[in-house]
């Protein structure tokens, strides 16, 4: 299977992260009086609408667990170990991250987000371990 095809989910997740960045930027620029207030984002807590704060939190989350996904996926492509299962797992992870974002930006039920987060880690772990076996 083509290594480039395995990178498509990576690019989709990067574009999703950019989308969240745009939403966050819109919310912050619309509701902040002084851009300097964002010098320390912890100082913004409680000063912006909840959806703007959740978007900022989600943006940060997209630079946590997905980083491991990027590394594992790039490594699999690099060693040319791409197969249909790896493709399905990569797409499953990206879809889960998008769902995670949508949950966080809307009703934000932490237990639902945690379950999505856990499944994401199981996918990443399987992708990594399967390369060692």
N, C-alpha and C. Protein backbone atom coordinates (compact mmCIF):
# COMPACT_ATOMS: atom_id res chain seq x y z
N UNK A 1 0.85 -1.19 0.00
CA UNK A 1 0.00 0.00 0.00
C UNK A 1 0.89 1.24 0.00
N UNK A 2 0.39 2.28 -0.51
CA UNK A 2 1.14 3.53 -0.70
C UNK A 2 1.34 4.29 0.62
N UNK A 3 2.60 4.68 0.89
CA UNK A 3 2.89 5.44 2.10
C UNK A 3 2.16 6.79 2.11
N UNK A 4 2.03 7.38 0.93
CA UNK A 4 1.36 8.69 0.85
C UNK A 4 -0.09 8.58 1.31
N UNK A 5 -0.73 7.47 1.00
CA UNK A 5 -2.13 7.28 1.41
C UNK A 5 -2.25 7.29 2.93
N UNK A 6 -1.26 6.75 3.63
CA UNK A 6 -1.30 6.74 5.09
C UNK A 6 -1.14 8.15 5.66
N UNK A 7 -0.52 9.03 4.90
CA UNK A 7 -0.33 10.39 5.38
C UNK A 7 -1.57 11.27 5.21
N UNK A 8 -2.52 10.83 4.40
CA UNK A 8 -3.74 11.61 4.20
C UNK A 8 -4.46 11.89 5.52
N UNK A 9 -4.64 10.89 6.40
CA UNK A 9 -5.28 11.21 7.70
C UNK A 9 -4.47 12.23 8.51
N UNK A 10 -3.16 12.18 8.40
CA UNK A 10 -2.32 13.16 9.10
C UNK A 10 -2.64 14.57 8.60
N UNK A 11 -2.70 14.73 7.29
CA UNK A 11 -3.00 16.05 6.72
C UNK A 11 -4.41 16.51 7.09
N UNK A 12 -5.36 15.58 7.13
CA UNK A 12 -6.73 15.94 7.51
C UNK A 12 -6.76 16.44 8.95
N UNK A 13 -6.04 15.75 9.85
CA UNK A 13 -6.02 16.20 11.24
C UNK A 13 -5.32 17.55 11.38
N UNK A 14 -4.31 17.78 10.60
CA UNK A 14 -3.64 19.09 10.62
C UNK A 14 -4.61 20.18 10.15
N UNK A 15 -5.37 19.89 9.10
CA UNK A 15 -6.36 20.86 8.62
C UNK A 15 -7.47 21.08 9.65
N UNK A 16 -7.85 20.02 10.36
CA UNK A 16 -8.84 20.17 11.42
C UNK A 16 -8.30 21.08 12.52
N UNK A 17 -7.03 20.88 12.88
CA UNK A 17 -6.40 21.72 13.90
C UNK A 17 -6.39 23.18 13.45
N UNK A 18 -6.14 23.42 12.18
CA UNK A 18 -6.17 24.78 11.63
C UNK A 18 -7.58 25.35 11.73
N UNK A 19 -8.59 24.52 11.48
CA UNK A 19 -9.98 24.97 11.59
C UNK A 19 -10.29 25.40 13.02
N UNK A 20 -9.86 24.60 13.99
CA UNK A 20 -10.07 24.95 15.39
C UNK A 20 -9.32 26.24 15.74
N UNK A 21 -8.12 26.40 15.18
CA UNK A 21 -7.37 27.65 15.37
C UNK A 21 -8.17 28.85 14.87
N UNK A 22 -8.78 28.72 13.70
CA UNK A 22 -9.56 29.84 13.14
C UNK A 22 -10.75 30.17 14.04
N UNK A 23 -11.44 29.15 14.53
CA UNK A 23 -12.58 29.38 15.42
C UNK A 23 -12.12 30.05 16.71
N UNK A 24 -11.01 29.55 17.28
CA UNK A 24 -10.46 30.13 18.50
C UNK A 24 -10.05 31.58 18.26
N UNK A 25 -9.38 31.84 17.16
CA UNK A 25 -8.93 33.20 16.85
C UNK A 25 -10.10 34.15 16.69
N UNK A 26 -11.13 33.69 16.00
CA UNK A 26 -12.34 34.50 15.84
C UNK A 26 -12.93 34.85 17.20
N UNK A 27 -13.10 33.83 18.04
CA UNK A 27 -13.71 34.06 19.35
C UNK A 27 -12.89 34.99 20.22
N UNK A 28 -11.60 34.77 20.24
CA UNK A 28 -10.74 35.62 21.08
C UNK A 28 -10.71 37.05 20.57
N UNK A 29 -10.58 37.21 19.26
CA UNK A 29 -10.50 38.58 18.73
C UNK A 29 -11.82 39.31 18.88
N UNK A 30 -12.91 38.58 18.84
CA UNK A 30 -14.22 39.22 18.97
C UNK A 30 -14.52 39.63 20.41
N UNK A 31 -14.08 38.83 21.37
CA UNK A 31 -14.50 39.07 22.75
C UNK A 31 -13.41 39.64 23.66
N UNK A 32 -12.19 39.76 23.17
CA UNK A 32 -11.14 40.35 23.99
C UNK A 32 -11.05 41.84 23.71
N UNK A 33 -10.89 42.61 24.75
CA UNK A 33 -10.78 44.05 24.57
C UNK A 33 -9.36 44.44 24.15
N UNK A 34 -8.38 43.76 24.75
CA UNK A 34 -6.99 44.09 24.49
C UNK A 34 -6.23 42.79 24.17
N UNK A 35 -5.64 42.67 22.99
CA UNK A 35 -4.92 41.44 22.64
C UNK A 35 -3.82 41.08 23.65
N UNK A 36 -3.30 42.07 24.34
CA UNK A 36 -2.25 41.81 25.33
C UNK A 36 -2.78 40.94 26.48
N UNK A 37 -4.11 40.92 26.64
CA UNK A 37 -4.72 40.09 27.69
C UNK A 37 -4.40 38.61 27.47
N UNK A 38 -4.05 38.24 26.25
CA UNK A 38 -3.76 36.84 25.94
C UNK A 38 -2.30 36.48 26.17
N UNK A 39 -1.54 37.39 26.75
CA UNK A 39 -0.12 37.11 27.01
C UNK A 39 0.03 35.85 27.86
N UNK A 40 -0.87 35.65 28.79
CA UNK A 40 -0.93 34.44 29.61
C UNK A 40 -2.37 33.94 29.54
N UNK A 41 -2.60 32.90 28.77
CA UNK A 41 -3.98 32.47 28.54
C UNK A 41 -4.69 32.07 29.83
N UNK A 42 -3.94 31.68 30.85
CA UNK A 42 -4.59 31.35 32.12
C UNK A 42 -5.31 32.58 32.69
N UNK A 43 -4.84 33.76 32.34
CA UNK A 43 -5.48 34.99 32.82
C UNK A 43 -6.81 35.27 32.12
N UNK A 44 -7.06 34.57 31.02
CA UNK A 44 -8.31 34.77 30.29
C UNK A 44 -9.48 33.99 30.90
N UNK A 45 -9.18 33.01 31.76
CA UNK A 45 -10.24 32.17 32.34
C UNK A 45 -11.33 33.03 32.96
N UNK A 46 -12.55 32.76 32.53
CA UNK A 46 -13.70 33.45 33.07
C UNK A 46 -14.00 34.79 32.43
N UNK A 47 -13.14 35.25 31.53
CA UNK A 47 -13.37 36.56 30.91
C UNK A 47 -13.99 36.45 29.52
N UNK A 48 -13.96 35.24 28.96
CA UNK A 48 -14.49 35.01 27.61
C UNK A 48 -15.69 34.07 27.69
N UNK A 49 -16.54 34.08 26.67
CA UNK A 49 -17.64 33.11 26.66
C UNK A 49 -17.10 31.68 26.75
N UNK A 50 -17.89 30.80 27.34
CA UNK A 50 -17.47 29.42 27.57
C UNK A 50 -17.02 28.74 26.27
N UNK A 51 -17.73 29.00 25.16
CA UNK A 51 -17.36 28.32 23.92
C UNK A 51 -15.98 28.75 23.43
N UNK A 52 -15.60 29.99 23.71
CA UNK A 52 -14.28 30.47 23.31
C UNK A 52 -13.21 29.79 24.16
N UNK A 53 -13.46 29.68 25.46
CA UNK A 53 -12.51 28.99 26.34
C UNK A 53 -12.38 27.52 25.96
N UNK A 54 -13.51 26.87 25.68
CA UNK A 54 -13.46 25.44 25.30
C UNK A 54 -12.72 25.26 23.98
N UNK A 55 -12.87 26.21 23.07
CA UNK A 55 -12.15 26.12 21.79
C UNK A 55 -10.65 26.23 22.02
N UNK A 56 -10.24 27.14 22.89
CA UNK A 56 -8.82 27.27 23.22
C UNK A 56 -8.29 26.01 23.88
N UNK A 57 -9.07 25.44 24.79
CA UNK A 57 -8.66 24.18 25.43
C UNK A 57 -8.53 23.07 24.39
N UNK A 58 -9.49 23.01 23.47
CA UNK A 58 -9.44 21.97 22.45
C UNK A 58 -8.25 22.14 21.53
N UNK A 59 -7.95 23.38 21.20
CA UNK A 59 -6.79 23.65 20.36
C UNK A 59 -5.53 23.11 21.03
N UNK A 60 -5.39 23.34 22.33
CA UNK A 60 -4.25 22.80 23.06
C UNK A 60 -4.25 21.26 23.05
N UNK A 61 -5.42 20.68 23.20
CA UNK A 61 -5.53 19.21 23.19
C UNK A 61 -5.08 18.63 21.86
N UNK A 62 -5.26 19.37 20.79
CA UNK A 62 -4.85 18.89 19.47
C UNK A 62 -3.33 18.91 19.29
N UNK A 63 -2.62 19.39 20.30
CA UNK A 63 -1.16 19.34 20.28
C UNK A 63 -0.62 18.41 21.36
N UNK A 64 -1.47 17.58 21.90
CA UNK A 64 -1.05 16.63 22.91
C UNK A 64 -1.07 15.21 22.32
N UNK A 65 -2.13 14.49 22.49
CA UNK A 65 -2.22 13.11 21.99
C UNK A 65 -1.95 12.99 20.49
N UNK A 66 -2.45 13.88 19.66
CA UNK A 66 -2.18 13.74 18.22
C UNK A 66 -0.70 13.75 17.85
N UNK A 67 0.15 14.35 18.67
CA UNK A 67 1.57 14.35 18.35
C UNK A 67 2.10 12.91 18.30
N UNK A 68 1.67 12.07 19.24
CA UNK A 68 2.07 10.66 19.22
C UNK A 68 1.53 9.98 17.95
N UNK A 69 0.30 10.33 17.56
CA UNK A 69 -0.27 9.78 16.33
C UNK A 69 0.56 10.18 15.12
N UNK A 70 0.96 11.45 15.06
CA UNK A 70 1.77 11.91 13.94
C UNK A 70 3.07 11.12 13.85
N UNK A 71 3.74 10.95 14.97
CA UNK A 71 5.03 10.26 14.98
C UNK A 71 4.88 8.80 14.57
N UNK A 72 3.91 8.11 15.15
CA UNK A 72 3.71 6.69 14.82
C UNK A 72 3.33 6.54 13.35
N UNK A 73 2.44 7.37 12.88
CA UNK A 73 1.99 7.27 11.49
C UNK A 73 3.13 7.57 10.52
N UNK A 74 3.91 8.61 10.80
CA UNK A 74 5.05 8.91 9.95
C UNK A 74 6.09 7.78 9.98
N UNK A 75 6.30 7.19 11.16
CA UNK A 75 7.25 6.08 11.26
C UNK A 75 6.78 4.88 10.45
N UNK A 76 5.50 4.58 10.52
CA UNK A 76 4.95 3.45 9.75
C UNK A 76 5.12 3.71 8.25
N UNK A 77 4.86 4.94 7.83
CA UNK A 77 5.05 5.27 6.42
C UNK A 77 6.52 5.18 6.04
N UNK A 78 7.39 5.64 6.92
CA UNK A 78 8.83 5.65 6.64
C UNK A 78 9.40 4.23 6.49
N UNK A 79 8.95 3.33 7.34
CA UNK A 79 9.47 1.95 7.25
C UNK A 79 8.67 1.10 6.26
N UNK A 80 7.74 1.76 5.58
CA UNK A 80 6.94 1.10 4.54
C UNK A 80 6.18 -0.11 5.08
N UNK A 81 5.52 0.09 6.22
CA UNK A 81 4.73 -0.97 6.85
C UNK A 81 3.24 -0.66 6.75
N UNK A 82 2.86 -0.02 5.67
CA UNK A 82 1.47 0.40 5.48
C UNK A 82 0.65 -0.79 5.00
N UNK A 83 -0.46 -1.03 5.67
CA UNK A 83 -1.40 -2.06 5.23
C UNK A 83 -2.81 -1.54 5.47
N UNK A 84 -3.83 -2.25 5.01
CA UNK A 84 -5.20 -1.76 5.17
C UNK A 84 -5.59 -1.50 6.63
N UNK A 85 -5.12 -2.32 7.56
CA UNK A 85 -5.46 -2.11 8.96
C UNK A 85 -4.88 -0.80 9.47
N UNK A 86 -3.64 -0.50 9.12
CA UNK A 86 -3.03 0.75 9.57
C UNK A 86 -3.80 1.94 9.00
N UNK A 87 -4.24 1.83 7.76
CA UNK A 87 -5.05 2.89 7.15
C UNK A 87 -6.34 3.09 7.94
N UNK A 88 -7.02 1.98 8.25
CA UNK A 88 -8.28 2.07 8.99
C UNK A 88 -8.07 2.66 10.38
N UNK A 89 -6.99 2.24 11.04
CA UNK A 89 -6.71 2.78 12.38
C UNK A 89 -6.38 4.26 12.33
N UNK A 90 -5.62 4.67 11.33
CA UNK A 90 -5.28 6.09 11.19
C UNK A 90 -6.55 6.93 10.99
N UNK A 91 -7.41 6.46 10.10
CA UNK A 91 -8.66 7.20 9.87
C UNK A 91 -9.55 7.17 11.11
N UNK A 92 -9.59 6.04 11.81
CA UNK A 92 -10.40 5.96 13.03
C UNK A 92 -9.91 6.97 14.05
N UNK A 93 -8.59 7.09 14.20
CA UNK A 93 -8.06 8.06 15.15
C UNK A 93 -8.46 9.48 14.78
N UNK A 94 -8.33 9.83 13.51
CA UNK A 94 -8.68 11.19 13.06
C UNK A 94 -10.16 11.45 13.29
N UNK A 95 -11.00 10.51 12.96
CA UNK A 95 -12.44 10.70 13.17
C UNK A 95 -12.74 10.86 14.66
N UNK A 96 -12.08 10.06 15.50
CA UNK A 96 -12.27 10.21 16.94
C UNK A 96 -11.84 11.58 17.44
N UNK A 97 -10.73 12.10 16.92
CA UNK A 97 -10.27 13.42 17.35
C UNK A 97 -11.25 14.52 16.92
N UNK A 98 -11.82 14.37 15.75
CA UNK A 98 -12.82 15.35 15.30
C UNK A 98 -14.05 15.27 16.20
N UNK A 99 -14.49 14.04 16.51
CA UNK A 99 -15.63 13.88 17.41
C UNK A 99 -15.30 14.46 18.78
N UNK A 100 -14.08 14.21 19.27
CA UNK A 100 -13.65 14.76 20.55
C UNK A 100 -13.78 16.28 20.54
N UNK A 101 -13.32 16.90 19.47
CA UNK A 101 -13.44 18.37 19.35
C UNK A 101 -14.89 18.80 19.39
N UNK A 102 -15.73 18.13 18.61
CA UNK A 102 -17.14 18.51 18.55
C UNK A 102 -17.82 18.36 19.90
N UNK A 103 -17.47 17.30 20.64
CA UNK A 103 -18.03 17.12 21.99
C UNK A 103 -17.56 18.26 22.88
N UNK A 104 -16.27 18.56 22.84
CA UNK A 104 -15.73 19.61 23.72
C UNK A 104 -16.31 20.98 23.37
N UNK A 105 -16.53 21.23 22.11
CA UNK A 105 -17.04 22.55 21.70
C UNK A 105 -18.54 22.71 21.93
N UNK A 106 -19.24 21.60 22.13
CA UNK A 106 -20.70 21.69 22.30
C UNK A 106 -21.10 21.37 23.74
N UNK A 107 -21.49 20.14 24.01
CA UNK A 107 -22.03 19.82 25.33
C UNK A 107 -20.94 19.47 26.35
N UNK A 108 -19.73 19.19 25.92
CA UNK A 108 -18.53 19.05 26.75
C UNK A 108 -18.69 18.10 27.93
N UNK A 109 -19.21 16.92 27.68
CA UNK A 109 -19.32 15.91 28.73
C UNK A 109 -17.97 15.21 28.86
N UNK A 110 -17.32 15.39 29.98
CA UNK A 110 -15.95 14.93 30.17
C UNK A 110 -15.85 13.41 30.04
N UNK A 111 -16.81 12.66 30.55
CA UNK A 111 -16.75 11.21 30.46
C UNK A 111 -16.74 10.74 29.00
N UNK A 112 -17.52 11.37 28.16
CA UNK A 112 -17.53 11.04 26.72
C UNK A 112 -16.17 11.38 26.11
N UNK A 113 -15.66 12.55 26.44
CA UNK A 113 -14.35 12.94 25.92
C UNK A 113 -13.27 11.98 26.38
N UNK A 114 -13.34 11.56 27.65
CA UNK A 114 -12.33 10.64 28.17
C UNK A 114 -12.38 9.31 27.43
N UNK A 115 -13.57 8.81 27.16
CA UNK A 115 -13.68 7.53 26.45
C UNK A 115 -13.08 7.65 25.04
N UNK A 116 -13.34 8.75 24.38
CA UNK A 116 -12.75 8.98 23.05
C UNK A 116 -11.24 9.06 23.16
N UNK A 117 -10.75 9.77 24.18
CA UNK A 117 -9.32 9.90 24.44
C UNK A 117 -8.69 8.54 24.67
N UNK A 118 -9.33 7.71 25.48
CA UNK A 118 -8.82 6.37 25.79
C UNK A 118 -8.76 5.50 24.54
N UNK A 119 -9.81 5.52 23.76
CA UNK A 119 -9.82 4.73 22.52
C UNK A 119 -8.71 5.22 21.58
N UNK A 120 -8.51 6.52 21.53
CA UNK A 120 -7.43 7.07 20.72
C UNK A 120 -6.07 6.53 21.14
N UNK A 121 -5.83 6.47 22.45
CA UNK A 121 -4.56 5.93 22.93
C UNK A 121 -4.43 4.45 22.61
N UNK A 122 -5.52 3.72 22.68
CA UNK A 122 -5.47 2.29 22.33
C UNK A 122 -5.11 2.11 20.86
N UNK A 123 -5.64 2.97 20.02
CA UNK A 123 -5.31 2.92 18.59
C UNK A 123 -3.83 3.21 18.38
N UNK A 124 -3.34 4.28 19.00
CA UNK A 124 -1.92 4.63 18.84
C UNK A 124 -1.03 3.51 19.37
N UNK A 125 -1.39 2.96 20.52
CA UNK A 125 -0.59 1.87 21.10
C UNK A 125 -0.57 0.66 20.17
N UNK A 126 -1.72 0.31 19.63
CA UNK A 126 -1.76 -0.84 18.72
C UNK A 126 -0.91 -0.58 17.48
N UNK A 127 -1.03 0.63 16.93
CA UNK A 127 -0.24 0.95 15.74
C UNK A 127 1.25 0.81 16.04
N UNK A 128 1.68 1.27 17.21
CA UNK A 128 3.10 1.21 17.57
C UNK A 128 3.55 -0.22 17.87
N UNK A 129 2.78 -0.90 18.71
CA UNK A 129 3.16 -2.28 19.13
C UNK A 129 3.18 -3.21 17.93
N UNK A 130 2.24 -3.03 17.03
CA UNK A 130 2.18 -3.94 15.87
C UNK A 130 3.44 -3.86 15.01
N UNK A 131 4.16 -2.77 15.11
CA UNK A 131 5.40 -2.63 14.33
C UNK A 131 6.57 -3.35 15.00
N UNK A 132 6.42 -3.66 16.27
CA UNK A 132 7.49 -4.34 17.01
C UNK A 132 7.36 -5.85 16.99
N UNK A 133 6.20 -6.31 16.65
CA UNK A 133 5.93 -7.76 16.67
C UNK A 133 6.36 -8.41 15.37
